[in-house]
Amino acid sequence: MDFPADISSAVTTADFDRILGKQNLRGNINYLIRGLNVTKTDDDAFSISFSEISSAQRLEQLAEHFKNVFQTPSSALLSQETRSP
């Protein structure tokens, strides 16, 4: 595990997977990630932005990483069912 995780050079989902995939999500409630700003905006909502090299492409790739990591098994099954013919 790298501490802090440094995503300042990450561009693709694979980059975010490689860098952030080293973080143990079980039992940890605090994470230090260089290059990422997170602000709580509501009880269950957050605003996420990059501290440098911000672009729509990077944000989309980070969003894809988060979807892959935090998607629950039931929501994965549901999304597969909606894609099936």
N, C-alpha and C. Protein backbone atom coordinates (compact mmCIF):
# COMPACT_ATOMS: atom_id res chain seq x y z
N MET A 1 0.85 -1.18 0.00
CA MET A 1 0.00 0.00 0.00
C MET A 1 0.89 1.24 0.00
N ASP A 2 0.61 2.14 -0.91
CA ASP A 2 1.31 3.42 -0.96
C ASP A 2 0.53 4.43 -0.13
N PHE A 3 1.24 5.22 0.65
CA PHE A 3 0.55 6.22 1.45
C PHE A 3 1.34 7.52 1.39
N PRO A 4 0.76 8.60 0.95
CA PRO A 4 -0.59 8.65 0.38
C PRO A 4 -0.60 8.14 -1.05
N ALA A 5 -1.77 7.69 -1.49
CA ALA A 5 -1.93 7.32 -2.89
C ALA A 5 -1.82 8.60 -3.70
N ASP A 6 -1.12 8.54 -4.82
CA ASP A 6 -0.90 9.73 -5.65
C ASP A 6 -1.52 9.51 -7.02
N ILE A 7 -2.65 10.18 -7.28
CA ILE A 7 -3.34 10.01 -8.57
C ILE A 7 -3.07 11.18 -9.52
N SER A 8 -2.10 12.01 -9.19
CA SER A 8 -1.86 13.21 -10.00
C SER A 8 -1.48 12.89 -11.44
N SER A 9 -0.95 11.70 -11.70
CA SER A 9 -0.58 11.34 -13.08
C SER A 9 -1.56 10.36 -13.71
N ALA A 10 -2.59 9.94 -12.99
CA ALA A 10 -3.56 8.97 -13.51
C ALA A 10 -4.45 9.62 -14.56
N VAL A 11 -4.65 8.90 -15.67
CA VAL A 11 -5.49 9.42 -16.75
C VAL A 11 -6.59 8.43 -17.12
N THR A 12 -6.28 7.14 -17.11
CA THR A 12 -7.23 6.12 -17.54
C THR A 12 -7.81 5.38 -16.33
N THR A 13 -8.90 4.65 -16.57
CA THR A 13 -9.48 3.83 -15.52
C THR A 13 -8.44 2.83 -15.01
N ALA A 14 -7.64 2.27 -15.91
CA ALA A 14 -6.60 1.32 -15.51
C ALA A 14 -5.58 1.99 -14.58
N ASP A 15 -5.24 3.25 -14.85
CA ASP A 15 -4.34 3.99 -13.97
C ASP A 15 -4.93 4.12 -12.57
N PHE A 16 -6.21 4.53 -12.51
CA PHE A 16 -6.87 4.68 -11.21
C PHE A 16 -6.99 3.33 -10.51
N ASP A 17 -7.30 2.27 -11.27
CA ASP A 17 -7.38 0.93 -10.69
C ASP A 17 -6.04 0.52 -10.07
N ARG A 18 -4.96 0.76 -10.80
CA ARG A 18 -3.63 0.36 -10.33
C ARG A 18 -3.24 1.13 -9.08
N ILE A 19 -3.46 2.43 -9.07
CA ILE A 19 -3.04 3.27 -7.94
C ILE A 19 -3.97 3.12 -6.74
N LEU A 20 -5.26 3.24 -6.97
CA LEU A 20 -6.21 3.20 -5.86
C LEU A 20 -6.53 1.77 -5.44
N GLY A 21 -6.25 0.80 -6.30
CA GLY A 21 -6.51 -0.60 -5.97
C GLY A 21 -5.62 -1.11 -4.85
N LYS A 22 -4.58 -0.39 -4.52
CA LYS A 22 -3.69 -0.78 -3.42
C LYS A 22 -4.27 -0.42 -2.06
N GLN A 23 -5.33 0.39 -2.04
CA GLN A 23 -5.93 0.84 -0.79
C GLN A 23 -6.90 -0.23 -0.27
N ASN A 24 -6.79 -0.57 1.00
CA ASN A 24 -7.67 -1.53 1.63
C ASN A 24 -8.94 -0.79 2.08
N LEU A 25 -10.07 -1.13 1.46
CA LEU A 25 -11.32 -0.43 1.76
C LEU A 25 -12.03 -1.01 2.98
N ARG A 26 -11.64 -2.17 3.42
CA ARG A 26 -12.30 -2.81 4.56
C ARG A 26 -11.71 -2.28 5.86
N GLY A 27 -12.58 -1.71 6.69
CA GLY A 27 -12.15 -1.26 8.00
C GLY A 27 -11.53 0.11 8.05
N ASN A 28 -11.26 0.70 6.91
CA ASN A 28 -10.67 2.04 6.89
C ASN A 28 -11.75 3.08 6.60
N ILE A 29 -11.73 4.16 7.36
CA ILE A 29 -12.70 5.23 7.10
C ILE A 29 -12.02 6.51 6.64
N ASN A 30 -10.70 6.55 6.69
CA ASN A 30 -9.95 7.72 6.26
C ASN A 30 -8.92 7.34 5.21
N TYR A 31 -8.87 8.11 4.15
CA TYR A 31 -7.93 7.86 3.06
C TYR A 31 -7.25 9.17 2.71
N LEU A 32 -5.98 9.10 2.41
CA LEU A 32 -5.24 10.27 1.96
C LEU A 32 -4.84 10.01 0.51
N ILE A 33 -5.41 10.81 -0.40
CA ILE A 33 -5.15 10.62 -1.82
C ILE A 33 -4.65 11.95 -2.39
N ARG A 34 -3.41 11.94 -2.80
CA ARG A 34 -2.80 13.15 -3.36
C ARG A 34 -3.38 13.41 -4.75
N GLY A 35 -3.82 14.65 -4.97
CA GLY A 35 -4.37 15.04 -6.26
C GLY A 35 -5.88 15.03 -6.32
N LEU A 36 -6.54 14.69 -5.19
CA LEU A 36 -8.00 14.59 -5.18
C LEU A 36 -8.56 15.43 -4.03
N ASN A 37 -9.58 16.22 -4.34
CA ASN A 37 -10.30 17.00 -3.33
C ASN A 37 -11.69 16.42 -3.18
N VAL A 38 -12.08 16.14 -1.94
CA VAL A 38 -13.41 15.60 -1.67
C VAL A 38 -14.06 16.45 -0.60
N THR A 39 -15.26 16.94 -0.89
CA THR A 39 -16.00 17.77 0.04
C THR A 39 -17.39 17.19 0.23
N LYS A 40 -17.79 17.02 1.48
CA LYS A 40 -19.14 16.54 1.76
C LYS A 40 -20.13 17.66 1.50
N THR A 41 -21.13 17.40 0.65
CA THR A 41 -22.10 18.43 0.28
C THR A 41 -23.47 18.20 0.90
N ASP A 42 -23.74 16.98 1.35
CA ASP A 42 -25.01 16.62 1.95
C ASP A 42 -24.77 15.39 2.82
N ASP A 43 -25.81 14.90 3.47
CA ASP A 43 -25.64 13.74 4.34
C ASP A 43 -25.03 12.55 3.61
N ASP A 44 -25.40 12.36 2.36
CA ASP A 44 -24.89 11.21 1.61
C ASP A 44 -24.37 11.60 0.22
N ALA A 45 -23.89 12.83 0.08
CA ALA A 45 -23.37 13.30 -1.21
C ALA A 45 -22.03 14.01 -1.01
N PHE A 46 -21.19 13.85 -2.02
CA PHE A 46 -19.86 14.44 -1.98
C PHE A 46 -19.54 15.10 -3.31
N SER A 47 -18.73 16.14 -3.26
CA SER A 47 -18.21 16.78 -4.46
C SER A 47 -16.75 16.34 -4.61
N ILE A 48 -16.40 15.82 -5.79
CA ILE A 48 -15.06 15.32 -6.04
C ILE A 48 -14.44 16.13 -7.18
N SER A 49 -13.21 16.60 -6.97
CA SER A 49 -12.50 17.33 -8.01
C SER A 49 -11.01 17.02 -7.91
N PHE A 50 -10.30 17.28 -8.98
CA PHE A 50 -8.86 17.09 -8.98
C PHE A 50 -8.19 18.38 -8.55
N SER A 51 -7.08 18.26 -7.83
CA SER A 51 -6.36 19.45 -7.41
C SER A 51 -5.48 20.00 -8.52
N GLU A 52 -5.22 19.18 -9.53
CA GLU A 52 -4.43 19.63 -10.68
C GLU A 52 -4.79 18.78 -11.89
N ILE A 53 -4.47 19.27 -13.06
CA ILE A 53 -4.74 18.58 -14.32
C ILE A 53 -6.17 18.04 -14.37
N SER A 54 -7.11 18.93 -14.21
CA SER A 54 -8.51 18.54 -14.23
C SER A 54 -9.04 18.55 -15.66
N SER A 55 -9.74 17.48 -16.01
CA SER A 55 -10.38 17.41 -17.32
C SER A 55 -11.60 16.51 -17.21
N ALA A 56 -12.51 16.68 -18.13
CA ALA A 56 -13.71 15.84 -18.15
C ALA A 56 -13.33 14.38 -18.35
N GLN A 57 -12.32 14.12 -19.18
CA GLN A 57 -11.90 12.74 -19.44
C GLN A 57 -11.39 12.07 -18.16
N ARG A 58 -10.54 12.75 -17.41
CA ARG A 58 -10.01 12.18 -16.17
C ARG A 58 -11.13 11.93 -15.17
N LEU A 59 -12.07 12.87 -15.07
CA LEU A 59 -13.19 12.71 -14.14
C LEU A 59 -14.05 11.52 -14.54
N GLU A 60 -14.29 11.34 -15.84
CA GLU A 60 -15.07 10.19 -16.31
C GLU A 60 -14.35 8.88 -16.00
N GLN A 61 -13.03 8.85 -16.16
CA GLN A 61 -12.26 7.65 -15.88
C GLN A 61 -12.26 7.33 -14.38
N LEU A 62 -12.16 8.36 -13.54
CA LEU A 62 -12.23 8.16 -12.10
C LEU A 62 -13.62 7.65 -11.71
N ALA A 63 -14.65 8.23 -12.31
CA ALA A 63 -16.03 7.78 -12.04
C ALA A 63 -16.19 6.31 -12.41
N GLU A 64 -15.62 5.90 -13.52
CA GLU A 64 -15.69 4.49 -13.94
C GLU A 64 -14.99 3.60 -12.91
N HIS A 65 -13.84 4.05 -12.42
CA HIS A 65 -13.13 3.30 -11.38
C HIS A 65 -14.03 3.14 -10.15
N PHE A 66 -14.62 4.24 -9.68
CA PHE A 66 -15.48 4.19 -8.50
C PHE A 66 -16.68 3.27 -8.73
N LYS A 67 -17.28 3.32 -9.90
CA LYS A 67 -18.41 2.43 -10.21
C LYS A 67 -17.98 0.98 -10.12
N ASN A 68 -16.82 0.66 -10.66
CA ASN A 68 -16.33 -0.72 -10.62
C ASN A 68 -16.04 -1.18 -9.20
N VAL A 69 -15.51 -0.30 -8.38
CA VAL A 69 -15.12 -0.67 -7.02
C VAL A 69 -16.32 -0.76 -6.08
N PHE A 70 -17.23 0.20 -6.20
CA PHE A 70 -18.31 0.29 -5.23
C PHE A 70 -19.64 -0.29 -5.69
N GLN A 71 -19.67 -0.86 -6.87
CA GLN A 71 -20.91 -1.46 -7.37
C GLN A 71 -21.18 -2.72 -6.55
N THR A 72 -22.38 -2.81 -6.00
CA THR A 72 -22.75 -3.98 -5.20
C THR A 72 -23.08 -5.14 -6.13
N PRO A 73 -22.96 -6.36 -5.65
CA PRO A 73 -23.28 -7.51 -6.50
C PRO A 73 -24.70 -7.46 -7.07
N SER A 74 -25.68 -6.99 -6.28
CA SER A 74 -27.05 -6.93 -6.79
C SER A 74 -27.19 -5.87 -7.87
N SER A 75 -26.50 -4.73 -7.74
CA SER A 75 -26.59 -3.72 -8.78
C SER A 75 -25.83 -4.16 -10.03
N ALA A 76 -24.77 -4.96 -9.87
CA ALA A 76 -24.04 -5.50 -11.03
C ALA A 76 -24.94 -6.44 -11.79
N LEU A 77 -25.68 -7.29 -11.06
CA LEU A 77 -26.59 -8.22 -11.70
C LEU A 77 -27.70 -7.47 -12.41
N LEU A 78 -28.24 -6.44 -11.78
CA LEU A 78 -29.30 -5.64 -12.38
C LEU A 78 -28.81 -4.98 -13.65
N SER A 79 -27.59 -4.41 -13.64
CA SER A 79 -27.09 -3.73 -14.83
C SER A 79 -26.84 -4.74 -15.95
N GLN A 80 -26.46 -5.98 -15.63
CA GLN A 80 -26.29 -7.02 -16.65
C GLN A 80 -27.62 -7.40 -17.24
N GLU A 81 -28.65 -7.49 -16.39
CA GLU A 81 -29.99 -7.87 -16.87
C GLU A 81 -30.56 -6.82 -17.80
N THR A 82 -30.30 -5.54 -17.52
CA THR A 82 -30.83 -4.50 -18.37
C THR A 82 -30.10 -4.43 -19.70
N ARG A 83 -28.87 -4.98 -19.79
CA ARG A 83 -28.12 -4.98 -21.03
C ARG A 83 -28.42 -6.22 -21.87
N SER A 84 -28.99 -7.25 -21.25
CA SER A 84 -29.28 -8.48 -21.99
C SER A 84 -30.44 -8.27 -22.95
N PRO A 85 -30.36 -8.91 -24.15
CA PRO A 85 -31.47 -8.74 -25.12
C PRO A 85 -32.73 -9.41 -24.71
